[in-house]
Structures are given as C-alpha cells and as structure tokens.
N, C-alpha and C. Protein backbone atom coordinates (compact mmCIF):
# COMPACT_ATOMS: atom_id res chain seq x y z
N UNK A 1 104.55 103.48 82.77
CA UNK A 1 105.02 101.99 81.75
C UNK A 1 103.80 101.42 81.21
N UNK A 2 103.89 101.65 79.84
CA UNK A 2 102.72 100.51 79.96
C UNK A 2 103.20 99.30 79.01
N UNK A 3 102.27 98.02 79.18
CA UNK A 3 103.22 97.17 78.50
C UNK A 3 102.52 97.07 77.45
N UNK A 4 103.07 96.59 75.94
CA UNK A 4 101.78 95.58 74.84
C UNK A 4 101.62 94.73 75.54
N UNK A 5 100.21 94.67 74.82
CA UNK A 5 99.68 93.18 75.31
C UNK A 5 98.62 93.42 73.35
N UNK A 6 98.77 92.17 73.35
CA UNK A 6 97.72 91.37 72.57
C UNK A 6 96.12 90.90 72.90
N UNK A 7 95.82 91.01 72.36
CA UNK A 7 94.45 90.22 72.90
C UNK A 7 94.03 89.33 72.46
N UNK A 8 93.65 88.09 72.44
CA UNK A 8 94.02 86.40 71.97
C UNK A 8 91.94 86.06 72.13
N UNK A 9 91.34 87.07 72.83
CA UNK A 9 90.41 86.52 73.39
C UNK A 9 89.19 87.25 72.06
N UNK A 10 87.83 85.99 72.01
CA UNK A 10 86.95 87.05 70.20
C UNK A 10 86.08 87.75 71.30
N UNK A 11 85.81 89.17 70.07
CA UNK A 11 85.10 89.93 70.40
C UNK A 11 84.06 89.17 70.72
N UNK A 12 83.21 88.36 70.55
CA UNK A 12 82.16 87.85 70.88
C UNK A 12 82.17 87.29 72.16
N UNK A 13 83.04 86.98 72.81
CA UNK A 13 83.19 87.08 74.02
C UNK A 13 82.37 88.23 75.18
N UNK A 14 82.45 89.34 74.69
CA UNK A 14 81.56 90.11 75.39
C UNK A 14 80.17 89.87 75.25
N UNK A 15 79.69 89.76 74.45
CA UNK A 15 78.27 88.71 74.38
C UNK A 15 77.88 88.35 75.11
N UNK A 16 78.45 86.90 74.52
CA UNK A 16 78.91 85.57 75.09
C UNK A 16 78.69 85.41 77.06
N UNK A 17 79.40 86.29 77.50
CA UNK A 17 79.86 85.92 78.50
C UNK A 17 78.40 87.42 79.51
N UNK A 18 78.65 87.87 78.71
CA UNK A 18 77.44 89.66 79.14
C UNK A 18 76.28 90.27 79.27
N UNK A 19 76.58 90.01 77.43
CA UNK A 19 74.57 91.42 77.13
C UNK A 19 74.10 89.10 77.03
N UNK A 20 73.92 87.91 76.54
CA UNK A 20 73.95 87.04 76.34
C UNK A 20 72.77 86.43 77.85
N UNK A 21 73.52 86.84 78.36
CA UNK A 21 73.27 85.54 79.50
C UNK A 21 72.30 87.10 79.93
N UNK A 22 72.98 88.38 80.40
CA UNK A 22 72.06 89.84 81.28
C UNK A 22 70.16 89.42 81.57
N UNK A 23 70.90 89.14 79.31
CA UNK A 23 69.18 89.98 78.76
C UNK A 23 68.00 88.74 78.94
N UNK A 24 69.08 87.28 79.31
CA UNK A 24 68.31 85.99 78.56
C UNK A 24 67.59 85.81 80.15
N UNK A 25 68.34 86.22 82.34
CA UNK A 25 68.22 86.28 82.81
C UNK A 25 66.58 86.94 82.91
N UNK A 26 66.77 88.79 83.02
CA UNK A 26 65.92 89.56 82.97
C UNK A 26 64.66 88.82 82.17
N UNK A 27 64.93 88.88 80.82
CA UNK A 27 63.63 88.70 80.57
C UNK A 27 62.57 87.28 80.87
N UNK A 28 63.62 86.40 80.65
CA UNK A 28 62.88 84.87 81.10
C UNK A 28 63.02 84.63 82.91
N UNK A 29 63.76 85.55 83.41
CA UNK A 29 63.29 85.60 85.04
C UNK A 29 61.70 86.28 85.02
N UNK A 30 61.86 87.72 84.62
CA UNK A 30 60.92 88.07 84.96
C UNK A 30 59.40 86.73 84.49
N UNK A 31 59.50 86.69 82.83
CA UNK A 31 58.77 86.34 82.44
C UNK A 31 58.09 84.81 83.81
N UNK A 32 58.83 84.41 84.10
CA UNK A 32 58.86 83.38 84.92
C UNK A 32 58.09 83.73 86.44
N UNK A 33 58.75 84.18 87.21
CA UNK A 33 58.41 85.30 88.07
C UNK A 33 56.27 85.72 87.75
N UNK A 34 56.48 86.66 86.45
CA UNK A 34 55.14 86.84 85.96
C UNK A 34 54.57 85.74 86.13
N UNK A 35 54.78 84.13 85.72
CA UNK A 35 53.77 83.30 85.46
C UNK A 35 53.49 83.21 86.75
N UNK A 36 54.70 82.74 88.14
CA UNK A 36 54.55 82.06 89.11
C UNK A 36 53.16 82.67 89.78
N UNK A 37 52.75 84.16 89.65
CA UNK A 37 52.43 84.58 90.82
C UNK A 37 50.76 85.31 90.22
N UNK A 38 50.57 85.06 89.56
CA UNK A 38 49.42 84.98 88.40
C UNK A 38 48.62 83.99 88.84
N UNK A 39 47.72 84.65 88.61
CA UNK A 39 46.45 83.63 88.69
C UNK A 39 45.62 82.26 88.00
N UNK A 40 46.07 81.54 88.59
CA UNK A 40 45.50 80.36 87.51
C UNK A 40 44.88 80.95 86.36
N UNK A 41 43.89 81.34 86.41
CA UNK A 41 43.11 81.29 85.45
C UNK A 41 42.97 82.87 84.79
N UNK A 42 44.62 83.53 84.88
CA UNK A 42 44.57 84.56 84.07
C UNK A 42 45.96 83.99 83.45
N UNK A 43 46.16 82.90 83.40
CA UNK A 43 47.83 82.68 82.63
C UNK A 43 46.44 81.91 81.06
N UNK A 44 47.98 81.90 80.68
CA UNK A 44 47.29 82.16 78.70
C UNK A 44 47.43 79.88 78.48
N UNK A 45 46.75 78.68 79.79
CA UNK A 45 46.92 77.69 79.74
C UNK A 45 46.96 77.62 80.71
N UNK A 46 45.16 77.83 80.81
CA UNK A 46 44.74 77.22 81.89
C UNK A 46 44.42 75.65 82.11
N UNK A 47 44.32 75.07 81.16
CA UNK A 47 44.04 73.91 81.11
C UNK A 47 45.50 72.89 81.58
N UNK A 48 46.35 73.73 81.50
CA UNK A 48 47.93 72.82 81.76
C UNK A 48 47.93 72.89 83.56
N UNK A 49 47.99 71.65 84.52
CA UNK A 49 48.26 72.73 85.59
C UNK A 49 49.90 72.71 86.53
N UNK A 50 50.27 71.89 85.91
CA UNK A 50 51.57 72.31 86.20
C UNK A 50 52.59 72.76 85.32
N UNK A 51 51.73 73.30 84.63
CA UNK A 51 52.88 74.38 83.56
C UNK A 51 53.80 75.52 84.19
N UNK A 52 53.39 76.15 85.48
CA UNK A 52 54.32 76.80 85.80
C UNK A 52 55.75 76.23 86.67
N UNK A 53 55.25 74.71 86.76
CA UNK A 53 56.52 74.36 87.47
C UNK A 53 57.17 74.07 85.81
N UNK A 54 56.54 73.82 85.29
CA UNK A 54 57.45 73.56 83.68
C UNK A 54 58.39 74.34 83.17
N UNK A 55 58.05 75.48 83.03
CA UNK A 55 58.26 76.43 82.76
C UNK A 55 59.99 76.98 83.83
N UNK A 56 59.45 77.06 85.42
CA UNK A 56 60.12 77.27 86.32
C UNK A 56 61.16 76.35 86.08
N UNK A 57 61.15 74.96 85.32
CA UNK A 57 62.60 74.14 85.60
C UNK A 57 63.49 74.55 84.13
N UNK A 58 62.19 74.35 83.24
CA UNK A 58 63.51 75.42 82.65
C UNK A 58 64.06 76.75 81.80
N UNK A 59 63.16 77.21 83.02
CA UNK A 59 64.63 78.20 83.35
C UNK A 59 65.58 78.39 84.36
N UNK A 60 65.54 77.49 85.50
CA UNK A 60 66.81 77.27 86.05
C UNK A 60 67.65 75.94 85.68
N UNK A 61 67.18 75.17 84.95
CA UNK A 61 67.96 74.31 83.83
C UNK A 61 68.69 75.66 82.51
N UNK A 62 68.30 76.08 82.02
CA UNK A 62 69.11 77.06 81.56
C UNK A 62 69.51 77.96 81.91
N UNK A 63 68.74 78.45 82.98
CA UNK A 63 69.69 79.45 83.90
C UNK A 63 71.67 78.33 84.62
N UNK A 64 71.27 77.45 84.81
CA UNK A 64 72.50 76.99 85.10
C UNK A 64 73.65 76.25 83.62
N UNK A 65 72.94 76.43 82.65
CA UNK A 65 73.67 75.35 81.54
C UNK A 65 74.70 77.16 80.96
N UNK A 66 73.94 78.19 81.15
CA UNK A 66 74.91 79.68 80.81
C UNK A 66 75.35 79.13 81.47
N UNK A 67 75.67 79.64 83.01
CA UNK A 67 76.09 80.14 83.60
C UNK A 67 77.85 78.95 83.83
N UNK A 68 77.11 77.60 83.33
CA UNK A 68 78.47 77.11 83.59
C UNK A 68 79.29 76.91 82.19
N UNK A 69 79.08 77.69 81.04
CA UNK A 69 79.41 77.44 80.15
C UNK A 69 79.21 79.50 79.53
N UNK A 70 78.52 79.84 79.07
CA UNK A 70 79.11 80.72 78.82
C UNK A 70 79.82 81.38 79.53
N UNK A 71 79.10 81.54 81.64
CA UNK A 71 79.45 83.35 81.78
C UNK A 71 80.52 82.05 82.66
N UNK A 72 81.17 81.70 82.34
CA UNK A 72 83.26 81.06 82.78
C UNK A 72 83.45 82.60 81.25
N UNK A 73 83.01 82.28 80.22
CA UNK A 73 84.30 82.53 79.23
C UNK A 73 85.08 83.99 79.86
N UNK A 74 86.34 84.28 79.41
CA UNK A 74 86.90 85.14 79.85
C UNK A 74 87.62 86.26 78.62
N UNK A 75 88.16 87.12 79.09
CA UNK A 75 88.75 88.08 78.06
C UNK A 75 90.15 87.64 78.13
N UNK A 76 91.01 87.53 77.14
CA UNK A 76 92.59 87.20 77.26
C UNK A 76 93.52 88.26 76.88
N UNK A 77 94.50 88.06 76.96
CA UNK A 77 95.25 89.15 76.14
C UNK A 77 96.88 89.20 76.66
N UNK A 78 97.89 88.78 76.20
CA UNK A 78 99.34 88.62 76.25
C UNK A 78 99.94 89.79 75.99
N UNK A 79 101.47 89.42 77.09
CA UNK A 79 102.17 90.18 76.60
C UNK A 79 103.59 89.70 76.28
N UNK A 80 104.62 89.49 76.47
CA UNK A 80 105.44 88.60 76.41
C UNK A 80 105.96 87.64 77.63
N UNK A 81 105.78 88.51 78.57
CA UNK A 81 105.92 87.78 79.38
C UNK A 81 104.72 87.26 80.69
N UNK A 82 103.49 87.68 80.67
CA UNK A 82 102.45 87.01 80.84
C UNK A 82 101.01 87.51 79.99
N UNK A 83 100.28 86.78 80.67
CA UNK A 83 99.30 86.65 80.53
C UNK A 83 97.95 87.33 81.83
N UNK A 84 97.73 88.16 80.55
CA UNK A 84 95.88 89.34 81.57
C UNK A 84 94.50 88.72 81.70
N UNK A 85 94.17 87.98 82.14
CA UNK A 85 93.23 87.02 82.39
C UNK A 85 91.54 88.19 82.84
N UNK A 86 90.42 88.86 82.01
CA UNK A 86 90.07 89.94 82.81
C UNK A 86 88.08 89.19 82.11
N UNK A 87 87.21 89.69 83.45
CA UNK A 87 86.49 89.00 83.52
C UNK A 87 85.29 90.83 83.36
N UNK A 88 86.12 91.44 82.42
CA UNK A 88 85.46 92.38 81.82
C UNK A 88 84.58 93.73 83.06
N UNK A 89 85.56 93.15 84.82
CA UNK A 89 85.20 94.23 85.65
C UNK A 89 86.42 94.21 86.11
N UNK A 90 87.88 93.11 86.71
CA UNK A 90 87.90 92.98 86.59
C UNK A 90 89.06 92.83 86.26
N UNK A 91 90.81 92.34 86.16
CA UNK A 91 91.96 92.34 85.44
C UNK A 91 92.83 91.20 86.11
N UNK A 92 93.77 90.47 85.74
CA UNK A 92 94.80 89.92 87.12
C UNK A 92 95.46 88.95 86.05
N UNK A 93 96.69 89.17 86.05
CA UNK A 93 97.96 89.07 85.48
C UNK A 93 98.76 87.81 86.13
N UNK A 94 99.10 86.91 84.68
CA UNK A 94 99.28 85.46 85.57
C UNK A 94 100.89 85.64 85.02
N UNK A 95 102.01 85.16 84.67
CA UNK A 95 103.46 84.59 84.54
C UNK A 95 103.40 83.75 84.48
N UNK A 96 103.69 83.49 82.82
CA UNK A 96 104.03 82.65 81.85
C UNK A 96 104.24 81.16 82.98
N UNK A 97 105.55 81.47 83.78
CA UNK A 97 105.55 80.24 84.39
C UNK A 97 104.74 79.85 84.96
N UNK A 98 102.61 80.58 85.86
CA UNK A 98 102.83 79.97 86.39
C UNK A 98 101.26 79.10 85.63
N UNK A 99 101.69 79.09 84.24
CA UNK A 99 101.01 78.37 83.36
C UNK A 99 100.90 76.68 83.53
N UNK A 100 100.45 75.94 83.62
CA UNK A 100 100.31 74.55 83.25
C UNK A 100 100.61 73.71 82.02
N UNK A 101 99.38 74.14 81.32
CA UNK A 101 99.72 74.32 79.75
C UNK A 101 98.14 74.75 79.38
N UNK A 102 97.70 74.50 78.44
CA UNK A 102 97.01 75.02 77.24
C UNK A 102 96.45 74.33 76.99
N UNK A 103 94.80 74.09 76.92
CA UNK A 103 93.73 72.73 76.02
C UNK A 103 92.74 73.85 75.11
N UNK A 104 93.47 72.85 73.97
CA UNK A 104 91.82 73.18 72.82
C UNK A 104 90.90 72.66 72.40
N UNK A 105 89.88 73.24 72.29
CA UNK A 105 89.09 72.34 72.54
C UNK A 105 87.76 72.71 71.17
N UNK A 106 88.32 71.88 69.88
CA UNK A 106 87.66 72.44 68.53
C UNK A 106 86.19 72.13 68.28
N UNK A 107 85.63 72.95 68.20
CA UNK A 107 83.54 72.95 68.13
C UNK A 107 83.59 73.35 66.53
N UNK A 108 84.52 73.96 65.29
CA UNK A 108 83.99 73.46 64.06
C UNK A 108 83.90 75.48 64.00
N UNK A 109 82.80 76.15 64.54
CA UNK A 109 82.54 77.39 64.03
C UNK A 109 83.10 78.08 64.78
N UNK A 110 84.04 77.45 66.15
CA UNK A 110 84.61 78.36 67.38
C UNK A 110 85.24 77.13 67.59
N UNK A 111 86.79 78.12 68.89
CA UNK A 111 88.08 77.17 69.30
C UNK A 111 87.82 77.90 70.56
N UNK A 112 87.27 76.67 71.56
CA UNK A 112 87.89 76.74 73.16
C UNK A 112 89.14 76.40 73.28
N UNK A 113 90.27 77.47 74.26
CA UNK A 113 91.24 77.19 74.80
C UNK A 113 90.79 77.46 76.52
N UNK A 114 91.57 76.65 76.47
CA UNK A 114 91.72 76.23 78.23
C UNK A 114 92.80 76.89 78.86
N UNK A 115 93.13 77.91 79.76
CA UNK A 115 94.32 77.52 80.33
C UNK A 115 93.73 76.99 82.36
N UNK A 116 95.26 75.86 82.00
CA UNK A 116 95.41 74.95 83.84
C UNK A 116 96.56 76.06 84.25
N UNK A 117 95.91 76.62 84.92
CA UNK A 117 97.05 76.96 86.06
C UNK A 117 97.29 76.42 87.26
N UNK A 118 98.66 76.57 87.52
CA UNK A 118 99.30 75.59 88.50
C UNK A 118 98.85 75.37 90.20
N UNK A 119 98.12 76.55 89.29
CA UNK A 119 97.40 77.28 91.19
C UNK A 119 96.06 77.55 90.89
N UNK A 120 95.87 77.46 91.92
CA UNK A 120 93.81 78.62 91.83
C UNK A 120 93.93 79.48 91.87
N UNK A 121 94.12 80.03 90.58
CA UNK A 121 93.79 81.81 90.24
C UNK A 121 92.44 82.65 91.15
N UNK A 122 92.33 83.54 90.53
CA UNK A 122 91.27 84.38 91.70
C UNK A 122 90.20 84.20 90.52
N UNK A 123 90.21 83.36 89.38
CA UNK A 123 88.98 82.88 88.54
C UNK A 123 89.44 81.28 88.36
N UNK A 124 89.62 81.21 89.21
CA UNK A 124 89.67 79.33 89.08
C UNK A 124 91.12 78.72 88.79
N UNK A 125 91.10 77.43 89.35
CA UNK A 125 92.68 76.94 88.29
C UNK A 125 92.62 76.42 86.61
N UNK A 126 91.11 76.29 85.70
CA UNK A 126 90.58 76.53 84.55
C UNK A 126 90.17 77.91 83.99
N UNK A 127 91.23 77.87 82.94
CA UNK A 127 90.10 79.08 82.71
C UNK A 127 89.85 79.35 81.10
N UNK A 128 88.43 79.48 80.84
CA UNK A 128 87.95 79.52 79.08
C UNK A 128 88.05 80.93 79.19
N UNK A 129 88.21 80.43 77.46
CA UNK A 129 88.02 81.35 76.73
C UNK A 129 87.91 81.20 74.98
N UNK A 130 87.09 81.79 74.64
CA UNK A 130 86.50 82.07 73.21
C UNK A 130 88.10 82.11 72.59
N UNK A 131 89.05 81.67 71.57
CA UNK A 131 89.83 81.82 71.11
C UNK A 131 89.52 82.55 69.50
N UNK A 132 90.64 84.03 69.30
CA UNK A 132 90.56 84.25 67.96
C UNK A 132 92.10 83.50 67.23
N UNK A 133 92.17 83.01 66.84
CA UNK A 133 93.02 82.55 65.54
C UNK A 133 93.88 83.40 65.40
N UNK A 134 93.59 84.48 64.61
CA UNK A 134 94.23 84.89 63.76
C UNK A 134 94.72 86.43 64.64
N UNK A 135 94.32 86.63 65.56
CA UNK A 135 95.78 87.14 66.35
C UNK A 135 96.42 86.63 67.11
N UNK A 136 96.10 85.52 67.57
CA UNK A 136 96.60 83.95 68.43
C UNK A 136 98.11 84.56 67.24
N UNK A 137 98.04 83.65 66.23
CA UNK A 137 99.15 83.56 64.67
C UNK A 137 99.83 84.45 64.89
N UNK A 138 99.06 86.42 64.81
CA UNK A 138 99.75 87.22 65.03
C UNK A 138 101.12 87.31 66.43
N UNK A 139 100.79 87.20 67.53
CA UNK A 139 100.83 87.00 68.51
C UNK A 139 102.67 86.76 68.61
N UNK A 140 101.72 85.49 68.33
CA UNK A 140 102.95 84.45 68.48
C UNK A 140 104.66 84.36 66.97
N UNK A 141 103.86 84.81 65.98
CA UNK A 141 104.83 85.87 65.03
C UNK A 141 105.65 86.62 65.59
N UNK A 142 105.06 87.89 67.04
CA UNK A 142 105.57 89.16 67.24
C UNK A 142 107.03 88.35 68.31
N UNK A 143 105.99 87.38 69.54
CA UNK A 143 106.65 87.14 70.34
C UNK A 143 108.17 85.71 69.97
N UNK A 144 107.22 85.18 69.67
CA UNK A 144 108.42 83.72 69.71
C UNK A 144 107.09 82.54 71.13
N UNK A 145 108.70 82.62 71.82
CA UNK A 145 108.41 80.91 72.53
C UNK A 145 107.64 81.46 73.96
N UNK A 146 105.94 80.48 73.53
CA UNK A 146 105.17 81.12 74.99
C UNK A 146 104.13 79.53 75.24
N UNK A 147 103.95 79.80 75.91
CA UNK A 147 103.16 78.44 76.21
C UNK A 147 102.21 78.35 75.35
N UNK A 148 102.06 79.37 74.69
CA UNK A 148 100.86 79.37 73.60
C UNK A 148 101.35 78.35 72.28
N UNK A 149 102.72 78.33 72.40
CA UNK A 149 103.74 78.50 70.85
C UNK A 149 102.95 76.73 70.01
N UNK A 150 102.43 75.60 71.00
CA UNK A 150 102.01 74.26 70.64
C UNK A 150 100.61 74.55 69.88
N UNK A 151 100.42 76.03 69.58
CA UNK A 151 98.81 76.00 69.25
C UNK A 151 99.41 76.64 67.87
N UNK A 152 100.16 77.31 66.85
CA UNK A 152 99.44 78.28 66.09
C UNK A 152 100.30 76.93 64.96
C-alpha cells in the first residue's frame, strides 16, 4: 500500500545540498592541496609568502559556511498524517504530533522553513528546508488542518 505524499521542498534543494557543495569541496579542495604541496618557486604568486595560508583559510571558512547552511537542507514530503524528511540517501518519517512548531524565514527570493521537533530525530531537532510555496498551498487545499496550516 503506497501513501500519497506531496513534496513541499524546492527542487533547488538537490543542487544546493548535494551538487554545489560536492563541486566546491572537490574543486577548491584539490586546488588548495595543490598549492600547499607545490614548491614556492612554482606558485603563480611567489612574492607573497603567506598566500598558501590565506587560501587555506579561505577554503576552510567557506567549507564551514557551506556545511552549516547548504548541506543541512533536507527534502520534505507530507502525507495526511506524516512528514517524510530525506537527505537524498535516507528518509525518515515523523508523525505530525512529533512536530513542535514550524518557523518560516523569508529571504525575499527564497523561503526557508525550519521544522522544530519535540525530540531529537535522526537529522537533529531543527530541520531546515527550502520551501516551494505553490506545493505547500496545493497540499493545504487537499489535506486541511496540519502543523503547516498557519503558513498557508
């Protein structure tokens, strides 16, 4: 028996949470490693002795920013009674009674919803995702009263 679900997270989640971080970490990680392990005389900027450490710091700072923001985004699907949360490798279901609140943060071009669970789940207590407003409105018309009803 299959359960009818509606995806309310944006398709951009796949790009922002998987493709972009993977590309950035591999490309700039290899670039940083190449700079760290090459001779000073072979570098394109031999006059700046600390440039290797500046580039390493740049890589580490942006890696942490990507990890804290983009890599935490999840895919969210809703049924009449459950929320299905996925990181594209594993999916966990949570009953609506396990959701404490849903908080919306609007950045103009995009909107991020944060599910606050009553207890710590597999992805933590706070689960952020990029909202696709049209899908949420369609879901609310079909289902009615849910923890997401205040957002419609």
